[in-house]
PDB file of N, CA and C in Angstrom:
ATOM      1  N   MET A   1     103.932 105.096 119.038  1.00  0.00           N
ATOM      2  CA  MET A   1     105.940 104.714 117.825  1.00  0.00           C
ATOM      3  C   MET A   1     105.176 105.657 116.327  1.00  0.00           C
ATOM      4  N   SER A   2     106.758 106.385 116.079  1.00  0.00           N
ATOM      5  CA  SER A   2     106.478 106.935 115.194  1.00  0.00           C
ATOM      6  C   SER A   2     107.165 105.930 113.918  1.00  0.00           C
ATOM      7  N   LEU A   3     107.725 104.870 114.170  1.00  0.00           N
ATOM      8  CA  LEU A   3     108.093 104.390 113.111  1.00  0.00           C
ATOM      9  C   LEU A   3     106.855 103.908 112.276  1.00  0.00           C
ATOM     10  N   GLU A   4     105.973 103.187 113.934  1.00  0.00           N
ATOM     11  CA  GLU A   4     104.739 102.828 113.444  1.00  0.00           C
ATOM     12  C   GLU A   4     103.901 102.928 112.205  1.00  0.00           C
ATOM     13  N   ASP A   5     103.571 104.515 112.837  1.00  0.00           N
ATOM     14  CA  ASP A   5     103.382 105.896 112.262  1.00  0.00           C
ATOM     15  C   ASP A   5     103.496 105.884 110.626  1.00  0.00           C
ATOM     16  N   LYS A   6     105.014 105.391 110.309  1.00  0.00           N
ATOM     17  CA  LYS A   6     106.070 106.036 108.956  1.00  0.00           C
ATOM     18  C   LYS A   6     104.962 104.978 108.652  1.00  0.00           C
ATOM     19  N   VAL A   7     105.592 103.181 108.988  1.00  0.00           N
ATOM     20  CA  VAL A   7     104.849 102.345 108.300  1.00  0.00           C
ATOM     21  C   VAL A   7     103.220 102.122 107.798  1.00  0.00           C
ATOM     22  N   ASN A   8     102.506 102.568 108.864  1.00  0.00           N
ATOM     23  CA  ASN A   8     101.124 102.769 108.481  1.00  0.00           C
ATOM     24  C   ASN A   8     101.496 103.740 106.969  1.00  0.00           C
ATOM     25  N   GLY A   9     102.096 105.068 107.035  1.00  0.00           N
ATOM     26  CA  GLY A   9     101.341 106.207 105.933  1.00  0.00           C
ATOM     27  C   GLY A   9     101.660 105.240 104.709  1.00  0.00           C
ATOM     28  N   THR A  10     102.872 104.654 104.189  1.00  0.00           N
ATOM     29  CA  THR A  10     103.711 104.087 103.677  1.00  0.00           C
ATOM     30  C   THR A  10     103.225 103.290 103.414  1.00  0.00           C
ATOM     31  N   LYS A  11     102.062 102.146 104.459  1.00  0.00           N
ATOM     32  CA  LYS A  11     101.091 101.483 103.657  1.00  0.00           C
ATOM     33  C   LYS A  11      99.503 102.451 102.914  1.00  0.00           C
ATOM     34  N   ASP A  12      99.290 102.991 103.374  1.00  0.00           N
ATOM     35  CA  ASP A  12      98.564 104.257 102.985  1.00  0.00           C
ATOM     36  C   ASP A  12      98.517 104.592 101.485  1.00  0.00           C
ATOM     37  N   GLN A  13      99.946 105.205 101.974  1.00  0.00           N
ATOM     38  CA  GLN A  13     100.482 105.762 100.351  1.00  0.00           C
ATOM     39  C   GLN A  13      99.904 104.861  99.109  1.00  0.00           C
ATOM     40  N   ALA A  14     100.872 103.328  99.218  1.00  0.00           N
ATOM     41  CA  ALA A  14     100.349 102.413  97.858  1.00  0.00           C
ATOM     42  C   ALA A  14      99.342 101.848  98.158  1.00  0.00           C
ATOM     43  N   ALA A  15      98.154 101.573  98.924  1.00  0.00           N
ATOM     44  CA  ALA A  15      96.812 101.524  98.459  1.00  0.00           C
ATOM     45  C   ALA A  15      96.989 102.487  98.185  1.00  0.00           C
ATOM     46  N   GLY A  16      96.258 103.570  98.503  1.00  0.00           N
ATOM     47  CA  GLY A  16      95.835 104.511  97.534  1.00  0.00           C
ATOM     48  C   GLY A  16      96.280 104.465  96.187  1.00  0.00           C
ATOM     49  N   LYS A  17      97.555 104.621  96.113  1.00  0.00           N
ATOM     50  CA  LYS A  17      98.050 104.286  94.664  1.00  0.00           C
ATOM     51  C   LYS A  17      97.684 103.617  94.095  1.00  0.00           C
ATOM     52  N   VAL A  18      97.767 102.156  94.666  1.00  0.00           N
ATOM     53  CA  VAL A  18      96.421 101.255  93.567  1.00  0.00           C
ATOM     54  C   VAL A  18      95.607 101.865  93.142  1.00  0.00           C
ATOM     55  N   LYS A  19      94.814 101.792  94.250  1.00  0.00           N
ATOM     56  CA  LYS A  19      93.061 102.233  94.342  1.00  0.00           C
ATOM     57  C   LYS A  19      92.565 103.481  93.089  1.00  0.00           C
ATOM     58  N   GLU A  20      94.137 104.125  93.221  1.00  0.00           N
ATOM     59  CA  GLU A  20      93.521 105.586  92.994  1.00  0.00           C
ATOM     60  C   GLU A  20      93.801 105.086  90.835  1.00  0.00           C
ATOM     61  N   VAL A  21      95.000 104.341  90.529  1.00  0.00           N
ATOM     62  CA  VAL A  21      95.261 104.082  89.033  1.00  0.00           C
ATOM     63  C   VAL A  21      94.088 102.740  89.090  1.00  0.00           C
ATOM     64  N   ALA A  22      93.727 102.156  89.502  1.00  0.00           N
ATOM     65  CA  ALA A  22      92.775 101.299  89.177  1.00  0.00           C
ATOM     66  C   ALA A  22      91.241 102.304  89.021  1.00  0.00           C
ATOM     67  N   GLY A  23      91.266 103.460  89.846  1.00  0.00           N
ATOM     68  CA  GLY A  23      89.784 104.100  89.533  1.00  0.00           C
ATOM     69  C   GLY A  23      90.138 104.462  88.045  1.00  0.00           C
ATOM     70  N   LYS A  24      91.457 104.858  87.537  1.00  0.00           N
ATOM     71  CA  LYS A  24      91.630 106.047  86.295  1.00  0.00           C
ATOM     72  C   LYS A  24      91.619 105.009  85.265  1.00  0.00           C
ATOM     73  N   VAL A  25      91.511 103.163  85.173  1.00  0.00           N
ATOM     74  CA  VAL A  25      91.852 102.699  84.441  1.00  0.00           C
ATOM     75  C   VAL A  25      90.686 102.074  84.122  1.00  0.00           C
ATOM     76  N   THR A  26      89.498 101.836  85.028  1.00  0.00           N
ATOM     77  CA  THR A  26      87.862 101.601  84.779  1.00  0.00           C
ATOM     78  C   THR A  26      87.253 103.322  84.517  1.00  0.00           C
ATOM     79  N   GLY A  27      87.882 103.947  84.711  1.00  0.00           N
ATOM     80  CA  GLY A  27      86.760 104.781  84.961  1.00  0.00           C
ATOM     81  C   GLY A  27      86.069 105.213  85.451  1.00  0.00           C
ATOM     82  N   ASP A  28      86.593 105.164  87.272  1.00  0.00           N
ATOM     83  CA  ASP A  28      85.716 104.707  88.378  1.00  0.00           C
ATOM     84  C   ASP A  28      86.013 106.112  88.947  1.00  0.00           C
ATOM     85  N   GLU A  29      85.780 107.448  88.963  1.00  0.00           N
ATOM     86  CA  GLU A  29      86.544 108.253  89.853  1.00  0.00           C
ATOM     87  C   GLU A  29      86.041 108.728  90.737  1.00  0.00           C
ATOM     88  N   LYS A  30      85.223 107.991  91.140  1.00  0.00           N
ATOM     89  CA  LYS A  30      84.785 107.516  92.862  1.00  0.00           C
ATOM     90  C   LYS A  30      86.509 106.676  93.716  1.00  0.00           C
ATOM     91  N   ALA A  31      86.489 105.590  92.847  1.00  0.00           N
ATOM     92  CA  ALA A  31      87.585 104.862  93.126  1.00  0.00           C
ATOM     93  C   ALA A  31      88.966 105.486  93.168  1.00  0.00           C
ATOM     94  N   GLU A  32      88.947 106.747  92.308  1.00  0.00           N
ATOM     95  CA  GLU A  32      90.854 107.328  91.613  1.00  0.00           C
ATOM     96  C   GLU A  32      90.156 108.226  92.918  1.00  0.00           C
ATOM     97  N   ALA A  33      89.042 109.374  93.212  1.00  0.00           N
ATOM     98  CA  ALA A  33      89.191 109.713  94.426  1.00  0.00           C
ATOM     99  C   ALA A  33      89.227 109.474  95.651  1.00  0.00           C
ATOM    100  N   LYS A  34      89.116 108.360  96.064  1.00  0.00           N
ATOM    101  CA  LYS A  34      89.529 107.695  97.441  1.00  0.00           C
ATOM    102  C   LYS A  34      90.749 107.108  97.394  1.00  0.00           C
ATOM    103  N   GLY A  35      91.108 106.894  96.406  1.00  0.00           N
ATOM    104  CA  GLY A  35      93.239 106.491  96.353  1.00  0.00           C
ATOM    105  C   GLY A  35      93.755 108.036  96.500  1.00  0.00           C
ATOM    106  N   LYS A  36      93.163 109.200  95.937  1.00  0.00           N
ATOM    107  CA  LYS A  36      93.693 109.619  95.780  1.00  0.00           C
ATOM    108  C   LYS A  36      94.108 110.126  97.722  1.00  0.00           C
ATOM    109  N   ALA A  37      92.558 110.310  98.147  1.00  0.00           N
ATOM    110  CA  ALA A  37      92.618 110.442  99.677  1.00  0.00           C
ATOM    111  C   ALA A  37      92.776 109.922 100.565  1.00  0.00           C
ATOM    112  N   GLN A  38      93.333 108.075 100.663  1.00  0.00           N
ATOM    113  CA  GLN A  38      94.110 107.576 100.892  1.00  0.00           C
ATOM    114  C   GLN A  38      95.826 107.491 101.005  1.00  0.00           C
ATOM    115  N   GLY A  39      95.983 108.063  99.526  1.00  0.00           N
ATOM    116  CA  GLY A  39      97.824 108.187  99.876  1.00  0.00           C
ATOM    117  C   GLY A  39      97.875 109.780 100.266  1.00  0.00           C
ATOM    118  N   LEU A  40      97.109 110.647 100.518  1.00  0.00           N
ATOM    119  CA  LEU A  40      97.315 111.740 101.349  1.00  0.00           C
ATOM    120  C   LEU A  40      97.322 111.583 102.884  1.00  0.00           C
ATOM    121  N   MET A  41      96.291 110.628 102.867  1.00  0.00           N
ATOM    122  CA  MET A  41      96.152 110.106 104.350  1.00  0.00           C
ATOM    123  C   MET A  41      97.878 109.648 104.603  1.00  0.00           C
ATOM    124  N   GLY A  42      98.157 108.551 103.877  1.00  0.00           N
ATOM    125  CA  GLY A  42      99.020 108.195 104.201  1.00  0.00           C
ATOM    126  C   GLY A  42     100.354 108.948 104.079  1.00  0.00           C
ATOM    127  N   ASP A  43     101.125 110.302 103.124  1.00  0.00           N
ATOM    128  CA  ASP A  43     101.070 111.215 103.869  1.00  0.00           C
ATOM    129  C   ASP A  43     101.274 112.286 104.738  1.00  0.00           C
ATOM    130  N   ALA A  44      99.851 112.208 106.111  1.00  0.00           N
ATOM    131  CA  ALA A  44      99.820 113.164 106.928  1.00  0.00           C
ATOM    132  C   ALA A  44     100.381 111.703 108.029  1.00  0.00           C
ATOM    133  N   LYS A  45     100.132 110.758 107.480  1.00  0.00           N
ATOM    134  CA  LYS A  45     101.166 109.753 109.103  1.00  0.00           C
ATOM    135  C   LYS A  45     102.399 109.255 108.951  1.00  0.00           C
ATOM    136  N   LYS A  46     102.281 109.878 107.567  1.00  0.00           N
ATOM    137  CA  LYS A  46     104.678 110.168 107.829  1.00  0.00           C
ATOM    138  C   LYS A  46     105.039 111.289 108.417  1.00  0.00           C
ATOM    139  N   ALA A  47     104.270 112.140 108.313  1.00  0.00           N
ATOM    140  CA  ALA A  47     104.250 113.478 108.869  1.00  0.00           C
ATOM    141  C   ALA A  47     104.323 113.733 110.257  1.00  0.00           C
ATOM    142  N   PHE A  48     103.322 113.235 110.767  1.00  0.00           N
ATOM    143  CA  PHE A  48     103.236 113.413 112.180  1.00  0.00           C
ATOM    144  C   PHE A  48     104.206 112.174 113.004  1.00  0.00           C
ATOM    145  N   GLY A  49     104.604 111.237 111.847  1.00  0.00           N
ATOM    146  CA  GLY A  49     105.654 109.906 112.469  1.00  0.00           C
ATOM    147  C   GLY A  49     107.002 110.730 112.911  1.00  0.00           C
ATOM    148  N   ASP A  50     107.238 111.645 111.423  1.00  0.00           N
ATOM    149  CA  ASP A  50     108.231 112.426 111.751  1.00  0.00           C
ATOM    150  C   ASP A  50     108.603 113.407 112.972  1.00  0.00           C
ATOM    151  N   VAL A  51     106.822 114.385 113.054  1.00  0.00           N
ATOM    152  CA  VAL A  51     106.950 115.417 113.662  1.00  0.00           C
ATOM    153  C   VAL A  51     107.161 114.290 115.355  1.00  0.00           C
ATOM    154  N   LYS A  52     106.341 113.727 115.882  1.00  0.00           N
ATOM    155  CA  LYS A  52     107.311 112.563 116.926  1.00  0.00           C
ATOM    156  C   LYS A  52     108.737 112.222 117.239  1.00  0.00           C
ATOM    157  N   GLU A  53     108.856 111.393 115.457  1.00  0.00           N
ATOM    158  CA  GLU A  53     110.263 111.811 115.732  1.00  0.00           C
ATOM    159  C   GLU A  53     111.321 112.702 116.849  1.00  0.00           C
ATOM    160  N   LYS A  54     110.565 113.588 116.173  1.00  0.00           N
ATOM    161  CA  LYS A  54     111.858 115.105 116.421  1.00  0.00           C
ATOM    162  C   LYS A  54     111.235 116.039 117.818  1.00  0.00           C
ATOM    163  N   ALA A  55     110.521 115.455 118.169  1.00  0.00           N
ATOM    164  CA  ALA A  55     109.596 115.846 119.366  1.00  0.00           C
ATOM    165  C   ALA A  55     110.372 115.134 120.434  1.00  0.00           C
ATOM    166  N   ALA A  56     110.676 113.370 120.393  1.00  0.00           N
ATOM    167  CA  ALA A  56     111.052 112.888 121.150  1.00  0.00           C
ATOM    168  C   ALA A  56     112.496 113.486 120.701  1.00  0.00           C
ATOM    169  N   ASP A  57     113.575 113.415 120.272  1.00  0.00           N
ATOM    170  CA  ASP A  57     114.627 114.288 119.625  1.00  0.00           C
ATOM    171  C   ASP A  57     115.378 115.445 120.443  1.00  0.00           C
ATOM    172  N   VAL A  58     114.404 115.844 120.353  1.00  0.00           N
ATOM    173  CA  VAL A  58     114.534 117.294 121.542  1.00  0.00           C
ATOM    174  C   VAL A  58     114.276 117.601 123.377  1.00  0.00           C
ATOM    175  N   PHE A  59     113.210 116.525 122.984  1.00  0.00           N
ATOM    176  CA  PHE A  59     112.712 116.439 124.969  1.00  0.00           C
ATOM    177  C   PHE A  59     113.893 115.377 124.992  1.00  0.00           C
ATOM    178  N   ASP A  60     115.188 114.780 124.303  1.00  0.00           N
ATOM    179  CA  ASP A  60     116.105 114.297 125.038  1.00  0.00           C
ATOM    180  C   ASP A  60     117.377 115.510 125.475  1.00  0.00           C
ATOM    181  N   ASP A  61     117.022 115.264 124.587  1.00  0.00           N
ATOM    182  CA  ASP A  61     118.734 116.634 124.300  1.00  0.00           C
ATOM    183  C   ASP A  61     117.940 117.698 125.553  1.00  0.00           C
ATOM    184  N   VAL A  62     116.839 117.703 125.913  1.00  0.00           N
ATOM    185  CA  VAL A  62     116.858 119.140 127.156  1.00  0.00           C
ATOM    186  C   VAL A  62     116.805 118.389 128.238  1.00  0.00           C
ATOM    187  N   LYS A  63     116.325 117.454 128.638  1.00  0.00           N
ATOM    188  CA  LYS A  63     116.715 116.576 129.724  1.00  0.00           C
ATOM    189  C   LYS A  63     118.399 116.541 129.631  1.00  0.00           C
ATOM    190  N   GLU A  64     118.932 115.776 128.588  1.00  0.00           N
ATOM    191  CA  GLU A  64     120.394 115.352 128.829  1.00  0.00           C
ATOM    192  C   GLU A  64     120.834 116.903 128.881  1.00  0.00           C
ATOM    193  N   LYS A  65     120.753 118.380 128.422  1.00  0.00           N
ATOM    194  CA  LYS A  65     121.103 119.584 129.144  1.00  0.00           C
ATOM    195  C   LYS A  65     121.036 119.893 130.573  1.00  0.00           C
ATOM    196  N   THR A  66     118.961 119.237 130.896  1.00  0.00           N
ATOM    197  CA  THR A  66     119.242 119.504 132.680  1.00  0.00           C
ATOM    198  C   THR A  66     119.547 118.492 133.199  1.00  0.00           C
ATOM    199  N   ASP A  67     120.167 117.503 132.914  1.00  0.00           N
ATOM    200  CA  ASP A  67     121.196 116.656 133.824  1.00  0.00           C
ATOM    201  C   ASP A  67     122.547 117.409 133.794  1.00  0.00           C
ATOM    202  N   ASP A  68     122.844 117.874 132.774  1.00  0.00           N
ATOM    203  CA  ASP A  68     123.993 118.476 132.889  1.00  0.00           C
ATOM    204  C   ASP A  68     124.418 119.521 133.996  1.00  0.00           C
ATOM    205  N   VAL A  69     123.093 120.743 134.002  1.00  0.00           N
ATOM    206  CA  VAL A  69     123.299 121.306 134.849  1.00  0.00           C
ATOM    207  C   VAL A  69     123.246 120.445 136.221  1.00  0.00           C
ATOM    208  N   VAL A  70     122.034 120.024 135.938  1.00  0.00           N
ATOM    209  CA  VAL A  70     121.851 119.551 137.605  1.00  0.00           C
ATOM    210  C   VAL A  70     123.186 119.145 138.445  1.00  0.00           C
ATOM    211  N   ASP A  71     123.803 118.251 137.443  1.00  0.00           N
ATOM    212  CA  ASP A  71     125.119 117.404 137.952  1.00  0.00           C
ATOM    213  C   ASP A  71     126.077 118.768 138.165  1.00  0.00           C
ATOM    214  N   ASP A  72     126.186 119.911 137.753  1.00  0.00           N
ATOM    215  CA  ASP A  72     127.561 121.158 137.538  1.00  0.00           C
ATOM    216  C   ASP A  72     126.799 121.158 139.178  1.00  0.00           C
ATOM    217  N   VAL A  73     125.491 121.448 139.479  1.00  0.00           N
ATOM    218  CA  VAL A  73     125.017 122.524 140.978  1.00  0.00           C
ATOM    219  C   VAL A  73     125.312 121.656 142.290  1.00  0.00           C
ATOM    220  N   LYS A  74     125.309 120.549 141.228  1.00  0.00           N
ATOM    221  CA  LYS A  74     125.292 119.453 142.840  1.00  0.00           C
ATOM    222  C   LYS A  74     127.506 119.085 142.742  1.00  0.00           C
ATOM    223  N   ASN A  75     127.776 119.579 141.522  1.00  0.00           N
ATOM    224  CA  ASN A  75     129.335 119.472 142.469  1.00  0.00           C
ATOM    225  C   ASN A  75     129.766 120.387 142.844  1.00  0.00           C
ATOM    226  N   LYS A  76     129.185 121.720 142.986  1.00  0.00           N
ATOM    227  CA  LYS A  76     129.338 123.061 143.038  1.00  0.00           C
ATOM    228  C   LYS A  76     129.206 123.093 144.651  1.00  0.00           C
ATOM    229  N   PHE A  77     128.105 122.718 145.088  1.00  0.00           N
ATOM    230  CA  PHE A  77     127.649 122.340 146.699  1.00  0.00           C
ATOM    231  C   PHE A  77     128.297 120.807 147.494  1.00  0.00           C
ATOM    232  N   SER A  78     128.940 120.181 146.678  1.00  0.00           N
ATOM    233  CA  SER A  78     129.442 119.812 146.908  1.00  0.00           C
ATOM    234  C   SER A  78     131.009 119.643 147.625  1.00  0.00           C
ATOM    235  N   LYS A  79     132.061 120.722 147.185  1.00  0.00           N
ATOM    236  CA  LYS A  79     132.497 120.882 147.320  1.00  0.00           C
ATOM    237  C   LYS A  79     133.161 121.561 148.520  1.00  0.00           C
TER     238      LYS A  79
END
């Protein structure tokens, strides 16, 4: 579900930022790098959620238009 991807992405962004800042403050470059990586993973998850949402919208639009065409054809043949 795209909402779940967005929520998980936001959580990863926040947790990553906390780890990144903690690494900076303590001078732990490894922790800082892990935090940045986790933040980037959060960005990717949110983007994936957006893509899934847009794909679902396109699918719904195509289905609606297809249903309209089918209804029009049925109406023409039922007359």
